[in-house]
Amino acid sequence: MDKRVNLKITGKVQGVFFRHNSKEIADSLNLTGYVQNNPDNTVTIVAEGEENDLKEFVKFIQKGTPQSKIENIKTDWQAPTNEFKQFEVKF
């Protein structure tokens, strides 16, 4: 069953290849959506796909990259909107 998850990640998540690695994992799981840096030094991710794939993706996000330090993740599960064709890094 398809789902949507909105994530807001705080901690050391900018300038540590977090968006790049998030996209690689999302692509490998056939997820759609986006990842973007925010002016307050957080990262937002919106992802849609199979629920089990999204759960795997969230596990990766919780670990982060070797250079990152995740402090908190706000997670909001929703019904998918199917508005995305691929997963992209927004600038």
PDB file of N, CA and C in Angstrom:
ATOM      1  N   MET A   1       0.831  -1.177   0.000  1.00  0.00           N
ATOM      2  CA  MET A   1       0.000   0.000   0.000  1.00  0.00           C
ATOM      3  C   MET A   1       0.884   1.252   0.000  1.00  0.00           C
ATOM      4  N   ASP A   2       0.585   2.173  -0.854  1.00  0.00           N
ATOM      5  CA  ASP A   2       1.365   3.404  -0.931  1.00  0.00           C
ATOM      6  C   ASP A   2       1.025   4.341   0.222  1.00  0.00           C
ATOM      7  N   LYS A   3       2.065   5.067   0.666  1.00  0.00           N
ATOM      8  CA  LYS A   3       1.941   6.039   1.742  1.00  0.00           C
ATOM      9  C   LYS A   3       2.805   7.241   1.408  1.00  0.00           C
ATOM     10  N   ARG A   4       2.703   8.244   2.253  1.00  0.00           N
ATOM     11  CA  ARG A   4       3.535   9.451   2.155  1.00  0.00           C
ATOM     12  C   ARG A   4       4.075   9.723   3.552  1.00  0.00           C
ATOM     13  N   VAL A   5       5.342  10.105   3.613  1.00  0.00           N
ATOM     14  CA  VAL A   5       5.917  10.504   4.891  1.00  0.00           C
ATOM     15  C   VAL A   5       6.596  11.856   4.721  1.00  0.00           C
ATOM     16  N   ASN A   6       6.316  12.745   5.665  1.00  0.00           N
ATOM     17  CA  ASN A   6       6.965  14.052   5.723  1.00  0.00           C
ATOM     18  C   ASN A   6       7.913  14.017   6.918  1.00  0.00           C
ATOM     19  N   LEU A   7       9.167  14.365   6.675  1.00  0.00           N
ATOM     20  CA  LEU A   7      10.177  14.353   7.725  1.00  0.00           C
ATOM     21  C   LEU A   7      10.812  15.730   7.853  1.00  0.00           C
ATOM     22  N   LYS A   8      11.050  16.151   9.084  1.00  0.00           N
ATOM     23  CA  LYS A   8      11.850  17.351   9.332  1.00  0.00           C
ATOM     24  C   LYS A   8      12.965  16.920  10.275  1.00  0.00           C
ATOM     25  N   ILE A   9      14.197  17.036   9.786  1.00  0.00           N
ATOM     26  CA  ILE A   9      15.355  16.521  10.505  1.00  0.00           C
ATOM     27  C   ILE A   9      16.172  17.674  11.048  1.00  0.00           C
ATOM     28  N   THR A  10      16.494  17.602  12.336  1.00  0.00           N
ATOM     29  CA  THR A  10      17.346  18.601  12.961  1.00  0.00           C
ATOM     30  C   THR A  10      18.657  17.965  13.392  1.00  0.00           C
ATOM     31  N   GLY A  11      19.663  18.800  13.520  1.00  0.00           N
ATOM     32  CA  GLY A  11      20.992  18.348  13.908  1.00  0.00           C
ATOM     33  C   GLY A  11      21.998  18.853  12.890  1.00  0.00           C
ATOM     34  N   LYS A  12      23.120  18.171  12.812  1.00  0.00           N
ATOM     35  CA  LYS A  12      24.140  18.514  11.809  1.00  0.00           C
ATOM     36  C   LYS A  12      23.794  17.734  10.535  1.00  0.00           C
ATOM     37  N   VAL A  13      22.962  18.362   9.688  1.00  0.00           N
ATOM     38  CA  VAL A  13      22.456  17.666   8.506  1.00  0.00           C
ATOM     39  C   VAL A  13      22.673  18.446   7.214  1.00  0.00           C
ATOM     40  N   GLN A  14      23.340  19.589   7.305  1.00  0.00           N
ATOM     41  CA  GLN A  14      23.657  20.339   6.096  1.00  0.00           C
ATOM     42  C   GLN A  14      25.168  20.360   5.904  1.00  0.00           C
ATOM     43  N   GLY A  15      25.591  20.225   4.643  1.00  0.00           N
ATOM     44  CA  GLY A  15      27.017  20.229   4.334  1.00  0.00           C
ATOM     45  C   GLY A  15      27.708  18.916   4.664  1.00  0.00           C
ATOM     46  N   VAL A  16      26.925  17.832   4.804  1.00  0.00           N
ATOM     47  CA  VAL A  16      27.492  16.527   5.170  1.00  0.00           C
ATOM     48  C   VAL A  16      26.988  15.418   4.235  1.00  0.00           C
ATOM     49  N   PHE A  17      26.642  15.783   3.007  1.00  0.00           N
ATOM     50  CA  PHE A  17      26.170  14.844   1.969  1.00  0.00           C
ATOM     51  C   PHE A  17      24.850  14.166   2.334  1.00  0.00           C
ATOM     52  N   PHE A  18      24.089  14.771   3.230  1.00  0.00           N
ATOM     53  CA  PHE A  18      22.833  14.180   3.684  1.00  0.00           C
ATOM     54  C   PHE A  18      21.801  14.122   2.563  1.00  0.00           C
ATOM     55  N   ARG A  19      21.632  15.216   1.832  1.00  0.00           N
ATOM     56  CA  ARG A  19      20.651  15.225   0.737  1.00  0.00           C
ATOM     57  C   ARG A  19      21.049  14.249  -0.364  1.00  0.00           C
ATOM     58  N   HIS A  20      22.319  14.263  -0.731  1.00  0.00           N
ATOM     59  CA  HIS A  20      22.808  13.370  -1.791  1.00  0.00           C
ATOM     60  C   HIS A  20      22.546  11.903  -1.412  1.00  0.00           C
ATOM     61  N   ASN A  21      22.917  11.529  -0.193  1.00  0.00           N
ATOM     62  CA  ASN A  21      22.718  10.141   0.234  1.00  0.00           C
ATOM     63  C   ASN A  21      21.244   9.799   0.371  1.00  0.00           C
ATOM     64  N   SER A  22      20.442  10.767   0.803  1.00  0.00           N
ATOM     65  CA  SER A  22      18.998  10.529   0.898  1.00  0.00           C
ATOM     66  C   SER A  22      18.418  10.218  -0.473  1.00  0.00           C
ATOM     67  N   LYS A  23      18.853  10.961  -1.486  1.00  0.00           N
ATOM     68  CA  LYS A  23      18.377  10.716  -2.848  1.00  0.00           C
ATOM     69  C   LYS A  23      18.797   9.338  -3.338  1.00  0.00           C
ATOM     70  N   GLU A  24      20.039   8.953  -3.083  1.00  0.00           N
ATOM     71  CA  GLU A  24      20.502   7.628  -3.517  1.00  0.00           C
ATOM     72  C   GLU A  24      19.657   6.515  -2.911  1.00  0.00           C
ATOM     73  N   ILE A  25      19.382   6.619  -1.629  1.00  0.00           N
ATOM     74  CA  ILE A  25      18.569   5.594  -0.969  1.00  0.00           C
ATOM     75  C   ILE A  25      17.137   5.630  -1.502  1.00  0.00           C
ATOM     76  N   ALA A  26      16.569   6.818  -1.634  1.00  0.00           N
ATOM     77  CA  ALA A  26      15.203   6.941  -2.162  1.00  0.00           C
ATOM     78  C   ALA A  26      15.110   6.333  -3.560  1.00  0.00           C
ATOM     79  N   ASP A  27      16.100   6.624  -4.406  1.00  0.00           N
ATOM     80  CA  ASP A  27      16.090   6.069  -5.760  1.00  0.00           C
ATOM     81  C   ASP A  27      16.179   4.542  -5.722  1.00  0.00           C
ATOM     82  N   SER A  28      17.007   4.006  -4.829  1.00  0.00           N
ATOM     83  CA  SER A  28      17.165   2.549  -4.755  1.00  0.00           C
ATOM     84  C   SER A  28      15.881   1.867  -4.277  1.00  0.00           C
ATOM     85  N   LEU A  29      15.038   2.608  -3.549  1.00  0.00           N
ATOM     86  CA  LEU A  29      13.774   2.072  -3.041  1.00  0.00           C
ATOM     87  C   LEU A  29      12.581   2.471  -3.913  1.00  0.00           C
ATOM     88  N   ASN A  30      12.851   3.108  -5.056  1.00  0.00           N
ATOM     89  CA  ASN A  30      11.803   3.540  -5.983  1.00  0.00           C
ATOM     90  C   ASN A  30      10.807   4.505  -5.336  1.00  0.00           C
ATOM     91  N   LEU A  31      11.313   5.396  -4.499  1.00  0.00           N
ATOM     92  CA  LEU A  31      10.469   6.401  -3.872  1.00  0.00           C
ATOM     93  C   LEU A  31      10.445   7.663  -4.719  1.00  0.00           C
ATOM     94  N   THR A  32       9.396   8.440  -4.577  1.00  0.00           N
ATOM     95  CA  THR A  32       9.303   9.743  -5.231  1.00  0.00           C
ATOM     96  C   THR A  32       9.203  10.806  -4.144  1.00  0.00           C
ATOM     97  N   GLY A  33       9.487  12.059  -4.521  1.00  0.00           N
ATOM     98  CA  GLY A  33       9.393  13.151  -3.570  1.00  0.00           C
ATOM     99  C   GLY A  33      10.599  14.055  -3.676  1.00  0.00           C
ATOM    100  N   TYR A  34      11.022  14.612  -2.542  1.00  0.00           N
ATOM    101  CA  TYR A  34      12.165  15.524  -2.558  1.00  0.00           C
ATOM    102  C   TYR A  34      12.823  15.634  -1.187  1.00  0.00           C
ATOM    103  N   VAL A  35      14.035  16.148  -1.201  1.00  0.00           N
ATOM    104  CA  VAL A  35      14.773  16.506   0.005  1.00  0.00           C
ATOM    105  C   VAL A  35      15.304  17.917  -0.216  1.00  0.00           C
ATOM    106  N   GLN A  36      15.251  18.756   0.833  1.00  0.00           N
ATOM    107  CA  GLN A  36      15.759  20.118   0.682  1.00  0.00           C
ATOM    108  C   GLN A  36      16.288  20.648   2.010  1.00  0.00           C
ATOM    109  N   ASN A  37      17.307  21.491   1.922  1.00  0.00           N
ATOM    110  CA  ASN A  37      17.805  22.229   3.072  1.00  0.00           C
ATOM    111  C   ASN A  37      16.869  23.386   3.353  1.00  0.00           C
ATOM    112  N   ASN A  38      16.724  23.730   4.619  1.00  0.00           N
ATOM    113  CA  ASN A  38      15.906  24.857   5.041  1.00  0.00           C
ATOM    114  C   ASN A  38      16.795  25.950   5.629  1.00  0.00           C
ATOM    115  N   PRO A  39      16.339  27.201   5.607  1.00  0.00           N
ATOM    116  CA  PRO A  39      17.132  28.308   6.145  1.00  0.00           C
ATOM    117  C   PRO A  39      17.489  28.147   7.632  1.00  0.00           C
ATOM    118  N   ASP A  40      16.703  27.370   8.391  1.00  0.00           N
ATOM    119  CA  ASP A  40      16.973  27.187   9.826  1.00  0.00           C
ATOM    120  C   ASP A  40      17.930  26.023  10.099  1.00  0.00           C
ATOM    121  N   ASN A  41      18.665  25.578   9.051  1.00  0.00           N
ATOM    122  CA  ASN A  41      19.657  24.499   9.141  1.00  0.00           C
ATOM    123  C   ASN A  41      19.050  23.120   9.366  1.00  0.00           C
ATOM    124  N   THR A  42      17.748  22.977   9.118  1.00  0.00           N
ATOM    125  CA  THR A  42      17.118  21.658   9.147  1.00  0.00           C
ATOM    126  C   THR A  42      16.999  21.152   7.713  1.00  0.00           C
ATOM    127  N   VAL A  43      16.562  19.912   7.575  1.00  0.00           N
ATOM    128  CA  VAL A  43      16.305  19.322   6.264  1.00  0.00           C
ATOM    129  C   VAL A  43      14.872  18.801   6.260  1.00  0.00           C
ATOM    130  N   THR A  44      14.172  19.048   5.161  1.00  0.00           N
ATOM    131  CA  THR A  44      12.823  18.522   4.963  1.00  0.00           C
ATOM    132  C   THR A  44      12.868  17.447   3.890  1.00  0.00           C
ATOM    133  N   ILE A  45      12.161  16.352   4.156  1.00  0.00           N
ATOM    134  CA  ILE A  45      12.009  15.288   3.165  1.00  0.00           C
ATOM    135  C   ILE A  45      10.523  14.960   3.051  1.00  0.00           C
ATOM    136  N   VAL A  46      10.057  14.878   1.828  1.00  0.00           N
ATOM    137  CA  VAL A  46       8.721  14.374   1.531  1.00  0.00           C
ATOM    138  C   VAL A  46       8.935  13.195   0.590  1.00  0.00           C
ATOM    139  N   ALA A  47       8.446  12.023   0.995  1.00  0.00           N
ATOM    140  CA  ALA A  47       8.655  10.825   0.178  1.00  0.00           C
ATOM    141  C   ALA A  47       7.362  10.030   0.081  1.00  0.00           C
ATOM    142  N   GLU A  48       7.157   9.442  -1.091  1.00  0.00           N
ATOM    143  CA  GLU A  48       5.993   8.597  -1.325  1.00  0.00           C
ATOM    144  C   GLU A  48       6.445   7.278  -1.942  1.00  0.00           C
ATOM    145  N   GLY A  49       5.723   6.224  -1.597  1.00  0.00           N
ATOM    146  CA  GLY A  49       6.014   4.910  -2.144  1.00  0.00           C
ATOM    147  C   GLY A  49       5.372   3.839  -1.291  1.00  0.00           C
ATOM    148  N   GLU A  50       5.808   2.601  -1.515  1.00  0.00           N
ATOM    149  CA  GLU A  50       5.306   1.477  -0.732  1.00  0.00           C
ATOM    150  C   GLU A  50       5.662   1.674   0.738  1.00  0.00           C
ATOM    151  N   GLU A  51       4.739   1.360   1.618  1.00  0.00           N
ATOM    152  CA  GLU A  51       4.933   1.595   3.045  1.00  0.00           C
ATOM    153  C   GLU A  51       6.200   0.934   3.583  1.00  0.00           C
ATOM    154  N   ASN A  52       6.455  -0.323   3.194  1.00  0.00           N
ATOM    155  CA  ASN A  52       7.658  -1.004   3.681  1.00  0.00           C
ATOM    156  C   ASN A  52       8.937  -0.329   3.192  1.00  0.00           C
ATOM    157  N   ASP A  53       8.925   0.161   1.953  1.00  0.00           N
ATOM    158  CA  ASP A  53      10.083   0.884   1.423  1.00  0.00           C
ATOM    159  C   ASP A  53      10.285   2.194   2.170  1.00  0.00           C
ATOM    160  N   LEU A  54       9.201   2.866   2.487  1.00  0.00           N
ATOM    161  CA  LEU A  54       9.303   4.116   3.253  1.00  0.00           C
ATOM    162  C   LEU A  54       9.863   3.861   4.648  1.00  0.00           C
ATOM    163  N   LYS A  55       9.466   2.759   5.263  1.00  0.00           N
ATOM    164  CA  LYS A  55       9.996   2.420   6.596  1.00  0.00           C
ATOM    165  C   LYS A  55      11.501   2.175   6.523  1.00  0.00           C
ATOM    166  N   GLU A  56      11.958   1.502   5.474  1.00  0.00           N
ATOM    167  CA  GLU A  56      13.403   1.297   5.278  1.00  0.00           C
ATOM    168  C   GLU A  56      14.105   2.638   5.087  1.00  0.00           C
ATOM    169  N   PHE A  57      13.496   3.514   4.339  1.00  0.00           N
ATOM    170  CA  PHE A  57      14.056   4.834   4.091  1.00  0.00           C
ATOM    171  C   PHE A  57      14.187   5.617   5.402  1.00  0.00           C
ATOM    172  N   VAL A  58      13.155   5.580   6.232  1.00  0.00           N
ATOM    173  CA  VAL A  58      13.191   6.285   7.517  1.00  0.00           C
ATOM    174  C   VAL A  58      14.309   5.724   8.399  1.00  0.00           C
ATOM    175  N   LYS A  59      14.544   4.413   8.339  1.00  0.00           N
ATOM    176  CA  LYS A  59      15.660   3.818   9.103  1.00  0.00           C
ATOM    177  C   LYS A  59      16.990   4.422   8.672  1.00  0.00           C
ATOM    178  N   PHE A  60      17.179   4.608   7.362  1.00  0.00           N
ATOM    179  CA  PHE A  60      18.406   5.241   6.876  1.00  0.00           C
ATOM    180  C   PHE A  60      18.506   6.669   7.397  1.00  0.00           C
ATOM    181  N   ILE A  61      17.412   7.396   7.327  1.00  0.00           N
ATOM    182  CA  ILE A  61      17.410   8.791   7.757  1.00  0.00           C
ATOM    183  C   ILE A  61      17.772   8.884   9.234  1.00  0.00           C
ATOM    184  N   GLN A  62      17.289   7.952  10.042  1.00  0.00           N
ATOM    185  CA  GLN A  62      17.603   7.951  11.468  1.00  0.00           C
ATOM    186  C   GLN A  62      19.098   7.758  11.715  1.00  0.00           C
ATOM    187  N   LYS A  63      19.766   7.003  10.854  1.00  0.00           N
ATOM    188  CA  LYS A  63      21.216   6.782  10.989  1.00  0.00           C
ATOM    189  C   LYS A  63      22.001   7.975  10.454  1.00  0.00           C
ATOM    190  N   GLY A  64      21.513   8.566   9.373  1.00  0.00           N
ATOM    191  CA  GLY A  64      22.211   9.677   8.748  1.00  0.00           C
ATOM    192  C   GLY A  64      23.449   9.218   8.003  1.00  0.00           C
ATOM    193  N   THR A  65      24.318  10.161   7.717  1.00  0.00           N
ATOM    194  CA  THR A  65      25.586   9.864   7.051  1.00  0.00           C
ATOM    195  C   THR A  65      26.688   9.852   8.109  1.00  0.00           C
ATOM    196  N   PRO A  66      27.871   9.339   7.754  1.00  0.00           N
ATOM    197  CA  PRO A  66      28.959   9.328   8.751  1.00  0.00           C
ATOM    198  C   PRO A  66      29.299  10.721   9.294  1.00  0.00           C
ATOM    199  N   GLN A  67      29.117  11.750   8.470  1.00  0.00           N
ATOM    200  CA  GLN A  67      29.466  13.109   8.889  1.00  0.00           C
ATOM    201  C   GLN A  67      28.328  13.824   9.620  1.00  0.00           C
ATOM    202  N   SER A  68      27.101  13.306   9.522  1.00  0.00           N
ATOM    203  CA  SER A  68      25.949  13.989  10.118  1.00  0.00           C
ATOM    204  C   SER A  68      25.762  13.589  11.578  1.00  0.00           C
ATOM    205  N   LYS A  69      24.942  14.371  12.263  1.00  0.00           N
ATOM    206  CA  LYS A  69      24.556  14.058  13.634  1.00  0.00           C
ATOM    207  C   LYS A  69      23.076  14.397  13.769  1.00  0.00           C
ATOM    208  N   ILE A  70      22.244  13.377  13.755  1.00  0.00           N
ATOM    209  CA  ILE A  70      20.804  13.555  13.832  1.00  0.00           C
ATOM    210  C   ILE A  70      20.414  13.827  15.284  1.00  0.00           C
ATOM    211  N   GLU A  71      19.710  14.939  15.503  1.00  0.00           N
ATOM    212  CA  GLU A  71      19.228  15.254  16.845  1.00  0.00           C
ATOM    213  C   GLU A  71      17.763  14.876  17.018  1.00  0.00           C
ATOM    214  N   ASN A  72      16.941  15.182  15.996  1.00  0.00           N
ATOM    215  CA  ASN A  72      15.518  14.892  16.104  1.00  0.00           C
ATOM    216  C   ASN A  72      14.921  14.740  14.707  1.00  0.00           C
ATOM    217  N   ILE A  73      13.918  13.886  14.611  1.00  0.00           N
ATOM    218  CA  ILE A  73      13.179  13.716  13.361  1.00  0.00           C
ATOM    219  C   ILE A  73      11.692  13.802  13.682  1.00  0.00           C
ATOM    220  N   LYS A  74      11.034  14.785  13.087  1.00  0.00           N
ATOM    221  CA  LYS A  74       9.578  14.884  13.198  1.00  0.00           C
ATOM    222  C   LYS A  74       9.001  14.123  12.012  1.00  0.00           C
ATOM    223  N   THR A  75       8.174  13.131  12.290  1.00  0.00           N
ATOM    224  CA  THR A  75       7.638  12.245  11.265  1.00  0.00           C
ATOM    225  C   THR A  75       6.127  12.374  11.195  1.00  0.00           C
ATOM    226  N   ASP A  76       5.620  12.562   9.987  1.00  0.00           N
ATOM    227  CA  ASP A  76       4.188  12.697   9.773  1.00  0.00           C
ATOM    228  C   ASP A  76       3.781  11.793   8.604  1.00  0.00           C
ATOM    229  N   TRP A  77       3.033  10.727   8.903  1.00  0.00           N
ATOM    230  CA  TRP A  77       2.557   9.801   7.873  1.00  0.00           C
ATOM    231  C   TRP A  77       1.223  10.296   7.330  1.00  0.00           C
ATOM    232  N   GLN A  78       1.073  10.220   5.999  1.00  0.00           N
ATOM    233  CA  GLN A  78      -0.149  10.691   5.341  1.00  0.00           C
ATOM    234  C   GLN A  78      -0.499   9.774   4.168  1.00  0.00           C
ATOM    235  N   ALA A  79      -1.654  10.043   3.592  1.00  0.00           N
ATOM    236  CA  ALA A  79      -2.025   9.376   2.343  1.00  0.00           C
ATOM    237  C   ALA A  79      -1.207  10.010   1.210  1.00  0.00           C
ATOM    238  N   PRO A  80      -0.825   9.222   0.207  1.00  0.00           N
ATOM    239  CA  PRO A  80      -0.037   9.784  -0.897  1.00  0.00           C
ATOM    240  C   PRO A  80      -0.874  10.708  -1.777  1.00  0.00           C
ATOM    241  N   THR A  81      -0.211  11.673  -2.388  1.00  0.00           N
ATOM    242  CA  THR A  81      -0.873  12.571  -3.332  1.00  0.00           C
ATOM    243  C   THR A  81      -0.506  12.215  -4.773  1.00  0.00           C
ATOM    244  N   ASN A  82       0.528  11.399  -4.937  1.00  0.00           N
ATOM    245  CA  ASN A  82       1.009  10.980  -6.264  1.00  0.00           C
ATOM    246  C   ASN A  82       1.385  12.159  -7.151  1.00  0.00           C
ATOM    247  N   GLU A  83       1.879  13.230  -6.543  1.00  0.00           N
ATOM    248  CA  GLU A  83       2.237  14.423  -7.311  1.00  0.00           C
ATOM    249  C   GLU A  83       3.657  14.393  -7.873  1.00  0.00           C
ATOM    250  N   PHE A  84       4.472  13.442  -7.425  1.00  0.00           N
ATOM    251  CA  PHE A  84       5.882  13.392  -7.841  1.00  0.00           C
ATOM    252  C   PHE A  84       6.121  12.300  -8.879  1.00  0.00           C
ATOM    253  N   LYS A  85       7.047  12.577  -9.784  1.00  0.00           N
ATOM    254  CA  LYS A  85       7.426  11.579 -10.790  1.00  0.00           C
ATOM    255  C   LYS A  85       8.724  10.883 -10.424  1.00  0.00           C
ATOM    256  N   GLN A  86       9.554  11.566  -9.606  1.00  0.00           N
ATOM    257  CA  GLN A  86      10.853  11.023  -9.194  1.00  0.00           C
ATOM    258  C   GLN A  86      11.220  11.629  -7.845  1.00  0.00           C
ATOM    259  N   PHE A  87      12.368  11.235  -7.322  1.00  0.00           N
ATOM    260  CA  PHE A  87      12.867  11.842  -6.084  1.00  0.00           C
ATOM    261  C   PHE A  87      13.961  12.810  -6.461  1.00  0.00           C
ATOM    262  N   GLU A  88      13.877  14.036  -5.964  1.00  0.00           N
ATOM    263  CA  GLU A  88      14.854  15.049  -6.361  1.00  0.00           C
ATOM    264  C   GLU A  88      15.405  15.803  -5.162  1.00  0.00           C
ATOM    265  N   VAL A  89      16.577  16.385  -5.386  1.00  0.00           N
ATOM    266  CA  VAL A  89      17.200  17.273  -4.412  1.00  0.00           C
ATOM    267  C   VAL A  89      16.814  18.687  -4.802  1.00  0.00           C
ATOM    268  N   LYS A  90      16.150  19.388  -3.892  1.00  0.00           N
ATOM    269  CA  LYS A  90      15.780  20.787  -4.161  1.00  0.00           C
ATOM    270  C   LYS A  90      16.852  21.697  -3.582  1.00  0.00           C
ATOM    271  N   PHE A  91      17.114  22.786  -4.284  1.00  0.00           N
ATOM    272  CA  PHE A  91      18.126  23.742  -3.837  1.00  0.00           C
ATOM    273  C   PHE A  91      17.493  25.046  -3.444  1.00  0.00           C
TER     274      PHE A  91
END
